[in-house]
């Protein structure tokens, strides 16, 4: 038995309600004591702190105990080179296992890999199935991707009304890409002020790379009615 095992529920609750340092120390103790959930959380904390190599190690420890989100994060590390060399095939395998064990984010990430042919043979039909499953669980990013399938006519017949509906749902769910795509659809209907409001919301949570790309697209006339105001909204957040 470790010192962590000897903690009573009241002791754990007291430390979790304490300072950020106290909470972090408790999570670290749990991780070192072999608690999979604590290892997964500590791995995320290490990743957020910029210590990707340490994060990868903790995710691996939790994944070895069957922690599905940690397994998904191992896949993310392989996918993006966080603390380990990029290996798209290993990333896709991690995502596949997590997806088949009903993890929503595993479904989304595996579907994305199948769509792009990243580490696995491109298979948009299979990807669509996984996106639908993740969307049914409320994953806003998966819902946005369904919009892309209908807008571009991948696997399904092109249907702009259906695409707009998916983008609206993704936007409401907080996905920044969905918010931007929803803005595009609103702009085509002449609802410029509403579209600009959604662009501003997208800019608030989008990655720097997405904001830069979106601002450039707007500047080049992607949405003529929002060429200046939309691009400026994206650039303010950059």
C-alpha atoms as a PDB file:
ATOM      1  CA  UNK A   1       0.000   0.000   0.000  1.00  0.00           C
ATOM      2  CA  UNK A   2       1.234   3.477  -0.883  1.00  0.00           C
ATOM      3  CA  UNK A   3       0.661   6.691   1.045  1.00  0.00           C
ATOM      4  CA  UNK A   4      -1.872   7.630  -1.622  1.00  0.00           C
ATOM      5  CA  UNK A   5      -3.848   4.430  -0.984  1.00  0.00           C
ATOM      6  CA  UNK A   6      -4.108   5.340   2.685  1.00  0.00           C
ATOM      7  CA  UNK A   7      -5.900   8.627   1.973  1.00  0.00           C
ATOM      8  CA  UNK A   8      -9.536   8.673   3.037  1.00  0.00           C
ATOM      9  CA  UNK A   9     -12.249  10.091   0.750  1.00  0.00           C
ATOM     10  CA  UNK A  10     -12.450  13.117   3.056  1.00  0.00           C
ATOM     11  CA  UNK A  11      -8.701  13.723   2.724  1.00  0.00           C
ATOM     12  CA  UNK A  12      -8.931  13.485  -1.065  1.00  0.00           C
ATOM     13  CA  UNK A  13     -11.915  15.858  -1.173  1.00  0.00           C
ATOM     14  CA  UNK A  14     -10.143  18.366   1.063  1.00  0.00           C
ATOM     15  CA  UNK A  15      -7.041  18.412  -1.112  1.00  0.00           C
ATOM     16  CA  UNK A  16      -9.046  18.673  -4.322  1.00  0.00           C
ATOM     17  CA  UNK A  17     -10.848  21.704  -2.930  1.00  0.00           C
ATOM     18  CA  UNK A  18      -7.573  23.371  -1.967  1.00  0.00           C
ATOM     19  CA  UNK A  19      -5.089  25.413  -3.951  1.00  0.00           C
ATOM     20  CA  UNK A  20      -4.097  24.536  -7.539  1.00  0.00           C
ATOM     21  CA  UNK A  21      -0.740  23.387  -6.140  1.00  0.00           C
ATOM     22  CA  UNK A  22      -2.468  21.043  -3.686  1.00  0.00           C
ATOM     23  CA  UNK A  23      -4.650  19.575  -6.429  1.00  0.00           C
ATOM     24  CA  UNK A  24      -1.656  19.095  -8.711  1.00  0.00           C
ATOM     25  CA  UNK A  25       0.308  17.409  -5.935  1.00  0.00           C
ATOM     26  CA  UNK A  26      -2.573  15.016  -5.271  1.00  0.00           C
ATOM     27  CA  UNK A  27      -2.875  14.113  -8.938  1.00  0.00           C
ATOM     28  CA  UNK A  28       0.878  13.564  -9.136  1.00  0.00           C
ATOM     29  CA  UNK A  29       0.737  11.266  -6.095  1.00  0.00           C
ATOM     30  CA  UNK A  30      -2.082   9.278  -7.669  1.00  0.00           C
ATOM     31  CA  UNK A  31      -0.197   8.980 -10.938  1.00  0.00           C
ATOM     32  CA  UNK A  32       2.936   7.754  -9.196  1.00  0.00           C
ATOM     33  CA  UNK A  33       0.816   5.300  -7.199  1.00  0.00           C
ATOM     34  CA  UNK A  34      -0.406   3.772 -10.467  1.00  0.00           C
ATOM     35  CA  UNK A  35      -3.939   5.173 -10.651  1.00  0.00           C
ATOM     36  CA  UNK A  36      -4.791   5.232 -14.370  1.00  0.00           C
ATOM     37  CA  UNK A  37      -7.132   8.221 -14.203  1.00  0.00           C
ATOM     38  CA  UNK A  38      -4.543  10.245 -12.299  1.00  0.00           C
ATOM     39  CA  UNK A  39      -1.870   9.237 -14.824  1.00  0.00           C
ATOM     40  CA  UNK A  40      -4.068  10.411 -17.702  1.00  0.00           C
ATOM     41  CA  UNK A  41      -4.853  13.718 -16.003  1.00  0.00           C
ATOM     42  CA  UNK A  42      -1.228  14.266 -14.990  1.00  0.00           C
ATOM     43  CA  UNK A  43      -0.169  13.517 -18.557  1.00  0.00           C
ATOM     44  CA  UNK A  44      -2.505  16.233 -19.807  1.00  0.00           C
ATOM     45  CA  UNK A  45      -1.145  18.652 -17.223  1.00  0.00           C
ATOM     46  CA  UNK A  46       2.392  17.899 -18.339  1.00  0.00           C
ATOM     47  CA  UNK A  47       1.376  18.414 -21.964  1.00  0.00           C
ATOM     48  CA  UNK A  48      -0.286  21.737 -21.136  1.00  0.00           C
ATOM     49  CA  UNK A  49       2.907  22.792 -19.364  1.00  0.00           C
ATOM     50  CA  UNK A  50       4.959  22.097 -22.485  1.00  0.00           C
ATOM     51  CA  UNK A  51       6.566  18.882 -21.230  1.00  0.00           C
ATOM     52  CA  UNK A  52       5.494  16.655 -24.102  1.00  0.00           C
ATOM     53  CA  UNK A  53       7.999  13.849 -23.504  1.00  0.00           C
ATOM     54  CA  UNK A  54       6.844  13.415 -19.905  1.00  0.00           C
ATOM     55  CA  UNK A  55       3.214  13.629 -21.024  1.00  0.00           C
ATOM     56  CA  UNK A  56       3.688  10.866 -23.574  1.00  0.00           C
ATOM     57  CA  UNK A  57       5.141   8.618 -20.882  1.00  0.00           C
ATOM     58  CA  UNK A  58       2.213   9.157 -18.519  1.00  0.00           C
ATOM     59  CA  UNK A  59      -0.360   8.650 -21.252  1.00  0.00           C
ATOM     60  CA  UNK A  60       1.357   5.388 -22.102  1.00  0.00           C
ATOM     61  CA  UNK A  61       1.219   4.187 -18.499  1.00  0.00           C
ATOM     62  CA  UNK A  62      -2.507   4.926 -18.266  1.00  0.00           C
ATOM     63  CA  UNK A  63      -3.221   3.421 -21.687  1.00  0.00           C
ATOM     64  CA  UNK A  64      -1.469   0.210 -20.648  1.00  0.00           C
ATOM     65  CA  UNK A  65      -4.103  -0.088 -17.916  1.00  0.00           C
ATOM     66  CA  UNK A  66      -6.932   0.265 -20.425  1.00  0.00           C
ATOM     67  CA  UNK A  67      -7.625   3.980 -20.007  1.00  0.00           C
ATOM     68  CA  UNK A  68      -9.228   4.871 -23.348  1.00  0.00           C
ATOM     69  CA  UNK A  69      -8.751   8.631 -23.311  1.00  0.00           C
ATOM     70  CA  UNK A  70      -5.092   8.093 -22.479  1.00  0.00           C
ATOM     71  CA  UNK A  71      -4.861   5.696 -25.431  1.00  0.00           C
ATOM     72  CA  UNK A  72      -6.432   8.346 -27.629  1.00  0.00           C
ATOM     73  CA  UNK A  73      -3.843  10.831 -26.348  1.00  0.00           C
ATOM     74  CA  UNK A  74      -1.020   8.409 -27.148  1.00  0.00           C
ATOM     75  CA  UNK A  75      -2.443   8.482 -30.658  1.00  0.00           C
ATOM     76  CA  UNK A  76      -2.458  12.267 -30.644  1.00  0.00           C
ATOM     77  CA  UNK A  77       1.180  12.271 -29.561  1.00  0.00           C
ATOM     78  CA  UNK A  78       2.140   9.983 -32.438  1.00  0.00           C
ATOM     79  CA  UNK A  79      -0.019  11.988 -34.819  1.00  0.00           C
ATOM     80  CA  UNK A  80       1.493  15.369 -33.963  1.00  0.00           C
ATOM     81  CA  UNK A  81       4.949  14.439 -32.685  1.00  0.00           C
ATOM     82  CA  UNK A  82       4.299  15.415 -29.075  1.00  0.00           C
ATOM     83  CA  UNK A  83       7.164  13.881 -27.129  1.00  0.00           C
ATOM     84  CA  UNK A  84       7.748  11.168 -29.717  1.00  0.00           C
ATOM     85  CA  UNK A  85       8.543  10.891 -33.415  1.00  0.00           C
ATOM     86  CA  UNK A  86       5.554  11.265 -35.724  1.00  0.00           C
ATOM     87  CA  UNK A  87       4.102   7.878 -36.647  1.00  0.00           C
ATOM     88  CA  UNK A  88       0.751   8.211 -38.410  1.00  0.00           C
ATOM     89  CA  UNK A  89       0.209   4.445 -38.591  1.00  0.00           C
ATOM     90  CA  UNK A  90       0.587   4.026 -34.823  1.00  0.00           C
ATOM     91  CA  UNK A  91      -1.637   7.038 -34.271  1.00  0.00           C
ATOM     92  CA  UNK A  92      -4.383   5.565 -36.457  1.00  0.00           C
ATOM     93  CA  UNK A  93      -4.128   2.232 -34.645  1.00  0.00           C
ATOM     94  CA  UNK A  94      -4.549   3.918 -31.267  1.00  0.00           C
ATOM     95  CA  UNK A  95      -7.549   5.831 -32.575  1.00  0.00           C
ATOM     96  CA  UNK A  96      -9.068   2.673 -34.068  1.00  0.00           C
ATOM     97  CA  UNK A  97      -8.856   0.732 -30.823  1.00  0.00           C
ATOM     98  CA  UNK A  98     -10.302   3.633 -28.831  1.00  0.00           C
ATOM     99  CA  UNK A  99     -13.098   4.058 -31.386  1.00  0.00           C
ATOM    100  CA  UNK A 100     -14.010   0.388 -31.367  1.00  0.00           C
ATOM    101  CA  UNK A 101     -14.222   0.579 -27.571  1.00  0.00           C
ATOM    102  CA  UNK A 102     -16.772   3.403 -27.904  1.00  0.00           C
ATOM    103  CA  UNK A 103     -14.632   6.416 -27.052  1.00  0.00           C
ATOM    104  CA  UNK A 104     -16.166   9.446 -28.758  1.00  0.00           C
ATOM    105  CA  UNK A 105     -12.831  11.181 -29.398  1.00  0.00           C
ATOM    106  CA  UNK A 106     -11.340   7.967 -30.691  1.00  0.00           C
ATOM    107  CA  UNK A 107     -14.192   7.792 -33.199  1.00  0.00           C
ATOM    108  CA  UNK A 108     -13.584  11.354 -34.339  1.00  0.00           C
ATOM    109  CA  UNK A 109      -9.819  10.968 -34.648  1.00  0.00           C
ATOM    110  CA  UNK A 110     -10.047   7.610 -36.419  1.00  0.00           C
ATOM    111  CA  UNK A 111     -12.634   9.026 -38.825  1.00  0.00           C
ATOM    112  CA  UNK A 112     -10.333  11.956 -39.544  1.00  0.00           C
ATOM    113  CA  UNK A 113      -7.442   9.582 -40.261  1.00  0.00           C
ATOM    114  CA  UNK A 114      -9.639   7.567 -42.633  1.00  0.00           C
ATOM    115  CA  UNK A 115     -10.795  10.728 -44.394  1.00  0.00           C
ATOM    116  CA  UNK A 116      -7.264  11.983 -44.959  1.00  0.00           C
ATOM    117  CA  UNK A 117      -5.581   8.617 -45.467  1.00  0.00           C
ATOM    118  CA  UNK A 118      -3.260   9.456 -42.554  1.00  0.00           C
ATOM    119  CA  UNK A 119      -1.529   6.276 -41.393  1.00  0.00           C
ATOM    120  CA  UNK A 120      -4.305   4.153 -42.858  1.00  0.00           C
ATOM    121  CA  UNK A 121      -5.805   3.666 -46.316  1.00  0.00           C
ATOM    122  CA  UNK A 122      -8.183   6.470 -47.233  1.00  0.00           C
ATOM    123  CA  UNK A 123     -11.768   5.284 -46.802  1.00  0.00           C
ATOM    124  CA  UNK A 124     -14.295   8.120 -46.715  1.00  0.00           C
ATOM    125  CA  UNK A 125     -17.248   5.732 -46.526  1.00  0.00           C
ATOM    126  CA  UNK A 126     -15.928   4.164 -43.326  1.00  0.00           C
ATOM    127  CA  UNK A 127     -14.988   7.617 -42.058  1.00  0.00           C
ATOM    128  CA  UNK A 128     -18.558   8.825 -42.549  1.00  0.00           C
ATOM    129  CA  UNK A 129     -19.818   5.975 -40.386  1.00  0.00           C
ATOM    130  CA  UNK A 130     -17.456   6.859 -37.550  1.00  0.00           C
ATOM    131  CA  UNK A 131     -18.265  10.566 -37.819  1.00  0.00           C
ATOM    132  CA  UNK A 132     -21.958   9.699 -37.534  1.00  0.00           C
ATOM    133  CA  UNK A 133     -21.303   7.657 -34.404  1.00  0.00           C
ATOM    134  CA  UNK A 134     -19.274  10.440 -32.793  1.00  0.00           C
ATOM    135  CA  UNK A 135     -21.874  13.024 -33.817  1.00  0.00           C
ATOM    136  CA  UNK A 136     -24.610  10.939 -32.211  1.00  0.00           C
ATOM    137  CA  UNK A 137     -22.662  11.292 -28.960  1.00  0.00           C
ATOM    138  CA  UNK A 138     -22.649  15.071 -29.381  1.00  0.00           C
ATOM    139  CA  UNK A 139     -19.125  15.582 -30.718  1.00  0.00           C
ATOM    140  CA  UNK A 140     -19.283  19.042 -32.323  1.00  0.00           C
ATOM    141  CA  UNK A 141     -16.160  18.501 -34.420  1.00  0.00           C
ATOM    142  CA  UNK A 142     -17.635  15.337 -35.906  1.00  0.00           C
ATOM    143  CA  UNK A 143     -20.879  17.194 -36.634  1.00  0.00           C
ATOM    144  CA  UNK A 144     -18.897  19.871 -38.478  1.00  0.00           C
ATOM    145  CA  UNK A 145     -17.120  17.203 -40.518  1.00  0.00           C
ATOM    146  CA  UNK A 146     -20.494  15.765 -41.535  1.00  0.00           C
ATOM    147  CA  UNK A 147     -21.272  19.215 -42.909  1.00  0.00           C
ATOM    148  CA  UNK A 148     -18.155  18.989 -45.072  1.00  0.00           C
ATOM    149  CA  UNK A 149     -19.242  15.605 -46.420  1.00  0.00           C
ATOM    150  CA  UNK A 150     -22.580  17.033 -47.523  1.00  0.00           C
ATOM    151  CA  UNK A 151     -21.131  20.302 -48.809  1.00  0.00           C
ATOM    152  CA  UNK A 152     -18.481  18.556 -50.916  1.00  0.00           C
ATOM    153  CA  UNK A 153     -20.505  15.491 -51.869  1.00  0.00           C
ATOM    154  CA  UNK A 154     -18.128  12.961 -50.335  1.00  0.00           C
ATOM    155  CA  UNK A 155     -19.797   9.526 -50.319  1.00  0.00           C
ATOM    156  CA  UNK A 156     -23.227  11.180 -49.973  1.00  0.00           C
ATOM    157  CA  UNK A 157     -25.070  13.322 -52.507  1.00  0.00           C
ATOM    158  CA  UNK A 158     -24.193  16.998 -52.295  1.00  0.00           C
ATOM    159  CA  UNK A 159     -26.794  18.738 -50.135  1.00  0.00           C
ATOM    160  CA  UNK A 160     -26.142  22.319 -49.079  1.00  0.00           C
ATOM    161  CA  UNK A 161     -29.221  22.457 -46.856  1.00  0.00           C
ATOM    162  CA  UNK A 162     -28.033  19.429 -44.912  1.00  0.00           C
ATOM    163  CA  UNK A 163     -24.503  20.860 -44.751  1.00  0.00           C
ATOM    164  CA  UNK A 164     -25.811  24.151 -43.362  1.00  0.00           C
ATOM    165  CA  UNK A 165     -27.780  22.266 -40.731  1.00  0.00           C
ATOM    166  CA  UNK A 166     -24.726  20.345 -39.564  1.00  0.00           C
ATOM    167  CA  UNK A 167     -22.623  23.506 -39.466  1.00  0.00           C
ATOM    168  CA  UNK A 168     -25.265  25.269 -37.376  1.00  0.00           C
ATOM    169  CA  UNK A 169     -25.277  22.370 -34.889  1.00  0.00           C
ATOM    170  CA  UNK A 170     -21.475  22.301 -34.742  1.00  0.00           C
ATOM    171  CA  UNK A 171     -21.388  26.062 -34.183  1.00  0.00           C
ATOM    172  CA  UNK A 172     -23.875  25.812 -31.331  1.00  0.00           C
ATOM    173  CA  UNK A 173     -21.752  23.015 -29.885  1.00  0.00           C
ATOM    174  CA  UNK A 174     -18.718  25.310 -29.692  1.00  0.00           C
ATOM    175  CA  UNK A 175     -16.548  24.024 -32.551  1.00  0.00           C
ATOM    176  CA  UNK A 176     -14.620  26.960 -34.021  1.00  0.00           C
ATOM    177  CA  UNK A 177     -14.531  25.443 -37.499  1.00  0.00           C
ATOM    178  CA  UNK A 178     -18.249  24.828 -37.304  1.00  0.00           C
ATOM    179  CA  UNK A 179     -18.772  28.441 -36.240  1.00  0.00           C
ATOM    180  CA  UNK A 180     -16.790  29.702 -39.214  1.00  0.00           C
ATOM    181  CA  UNK A 181     -18.597  27.381 -41.611  1.00  0.00           C
ATOM    182  CA  UNK A 182     -21.944  28.426 -40.155  1.00  0.00           C
ATOM    183  CA  UNK A 183     -20.927  32.047 -40.786  1.00  0.00           C
ATOM    184  CA  UNK A 184     -20.193  31.181 -44.423  1.00  0.00           C
ATOM    185  CA  UNK A 185     -23.653  29.693 -44.854  1.00  0.00           C
ATOM    186  CA  UNK A 186     -25.340  32.680 -43.198  1.00  0.00           C
ATOM    187  CA  UNK A 187     -23.429  35.069 -45.453  1.00  0.00           C
ATOM    188  CA  UNK A 188     -24.716  33.307 -48.571  1.00  0.00           C
ATOM    189  CA  UNK A 189     -28.230  34.054 -47.310  1.00  0.00           C
ATOM    190  CA  UNK A 190     -27.403  37.721 -46.887  1.00  0.00           C
ATOM    191  CA  UNK A 191     -27.389  37.507 -43.089  1.00  0.00           C
ATOM    192  CA  UNK A 192     -24.164  39.477 -42.827  1.00  0.00           C
ATOM    193  CA  UNK A 193     -24.411  40.722 -39.239  1.00  0.00           C
ATOM    194  CA  UNK A 194     -25.182  37.239 -37.916  1.00  0.00           C
ATOM    195  CA  UNK A 195     -22.321  35.845 -39.955  1.00  0.00           C
ATOM    196  CA  UNK A 196     -19.892  38.394 -38.532  1.00  0.00           C
ATOM    197  CA  UNK A 197     -20.996  37.549 -34.994  1.00  0.00           C
ATOM    198  CA  UNK A 198     -20.187  33.874 -35.606  1.00  0.00           C
ATOM    199  CA  UNK A 199     -16.826  34.749 -37.151  1.00  0.00           C
ATOM    200  CA  UNK A 200     -15.966  36.666 -33.987  1.00  0.00           C
ATOM    201  CA  UNK A 201     -16.963  33.680 -31.861  1.00  0.00           C
ATOM    202  CA  UNK A 202     -14.866  31.397 -34.036  1.00  0.00           C
ATOM    203  CA  UNK A 203     -11.859  33.702 -33.692  1.00  0.00           C
ATOM    204  CA  UNK A 204     -12.160  33.571 -29.926  1.00  0.00           C
ATOM    205  CA  UNK A 205     -11.328  29.871 -29.678  1.00  0.00           C
ATOM    206  CA  UNK A 206      -9.644  29.029 -33.001  1.00  0.00           C
ATOM    207  CA  UNK A 207      -6.011  28.006 -33.260  1.00  0.00           C
ATOM    208  CA  UNK A 208      -3.550  30.631 -34.525  1.00  0.00           C
ATOM    209  CA  UNK A 209      -3.037  28.633 -37.725  1.00  0.00           C
ATOM    210  CA  UNK A 210      -6.770  28.525 -38.424  1.00  0.00           C
ATOM    211  CA  UNK A 211      -7.204  32.242 -37.707  1.00  0.00           C
ATOM    212  CA  UNK A 212      -4.380  33.115 -40.076  1.00  0.00           C
ATOM    213  CA  UNK A 213      -5.752  30.883 -42.839  1.00  0.00           C
ATOM    214  CA  UNK A 214      -9.315  32.137 -42.371  1.00  0.00           C
ATOM    215  CA  UNK A 215      -8.248  35.793 -42.336  1.00  0.00           C
ATOM    216  CA  UNK A 216      -6.283  35.309 -45.554  1.00  0.00           C
ATOM    217  CA  UNK A 217      -9.250  33.577 -47.219  1.00  0.00           C
ATOM    218  CA  UNK A 218     -11.564  36.394 -46.187  1.00  0.00           C
ATOM    219  CA  UNK A 219      -9.121  39.052 -47.406  1.00  0.00           C
ATOM    220  CA  UNK A 220      -9.005  37.331 -50.783  1.00  0.00           C
ATOM    221  CA  UNK A 221     -12.781  37.599 -51.088  1.00  0.00           C
ATOM    222  CA  UNK A 222     -13.983  34.263 -49.736  1.00  0.00           C
ATOM    223  CA  UNK A 223     -17.051  36.097 -48.401  1.00  0.00           C
ATOM    224  CA  UNK A 224     -17.215  39.381 -50.335  1.00  0.00           C
ATOM    225  CA  UNK A 225     -19.602  41.040 -47.882  1.00  0.00           C
ATOM    226  CA  UNK A 226     -17.199  40.289 -45.012  1.00  0.00           C
ATOM    227  CA  UNK A 227     -13.876  40.839 -46.773  1.00  0.00           C
ATOM    228  CA  UNK A 228     -12.703  43.567 -44.404  1.00  0.00           C
ATOM    229  CA  UNK A 229     -14.791  43.168 -41.258  1.00  0.00           C
ATOM    230  CA  UNK A 230     -14.497  39.378 -41.129  1.00  0.00           C
ATOM    231  CA  UNK A 231     -10.776  39.361 -41.793  1.00  0.00           C
ATOM    232  CA  UNK A 232     -10.253  42.066 -39.184  1.00  0.00           C
ATOM    233  CA  UNK A 233     -12.185  40.017 -36.615  1.00  0.00           C
ATOM    234  CA  UNK A 234      -9.940  37.044 -37.237  1.00  0.00           C
ATOM    235  CA  UNK A 235      -6.781  39.128 -37.174  1.00  0.00           C
ATOM    236  CA  UNK A 236      -7.646  40.872 -33.893  1.00  0.00           C
ATOM    237  CA  UNK A 237      -7.468  37.502 -32.157  1.00  0.00           C
ATOM    238  CA  UNK A 238      -4.149  36.595 -33.808  1.00  0.00           C
END
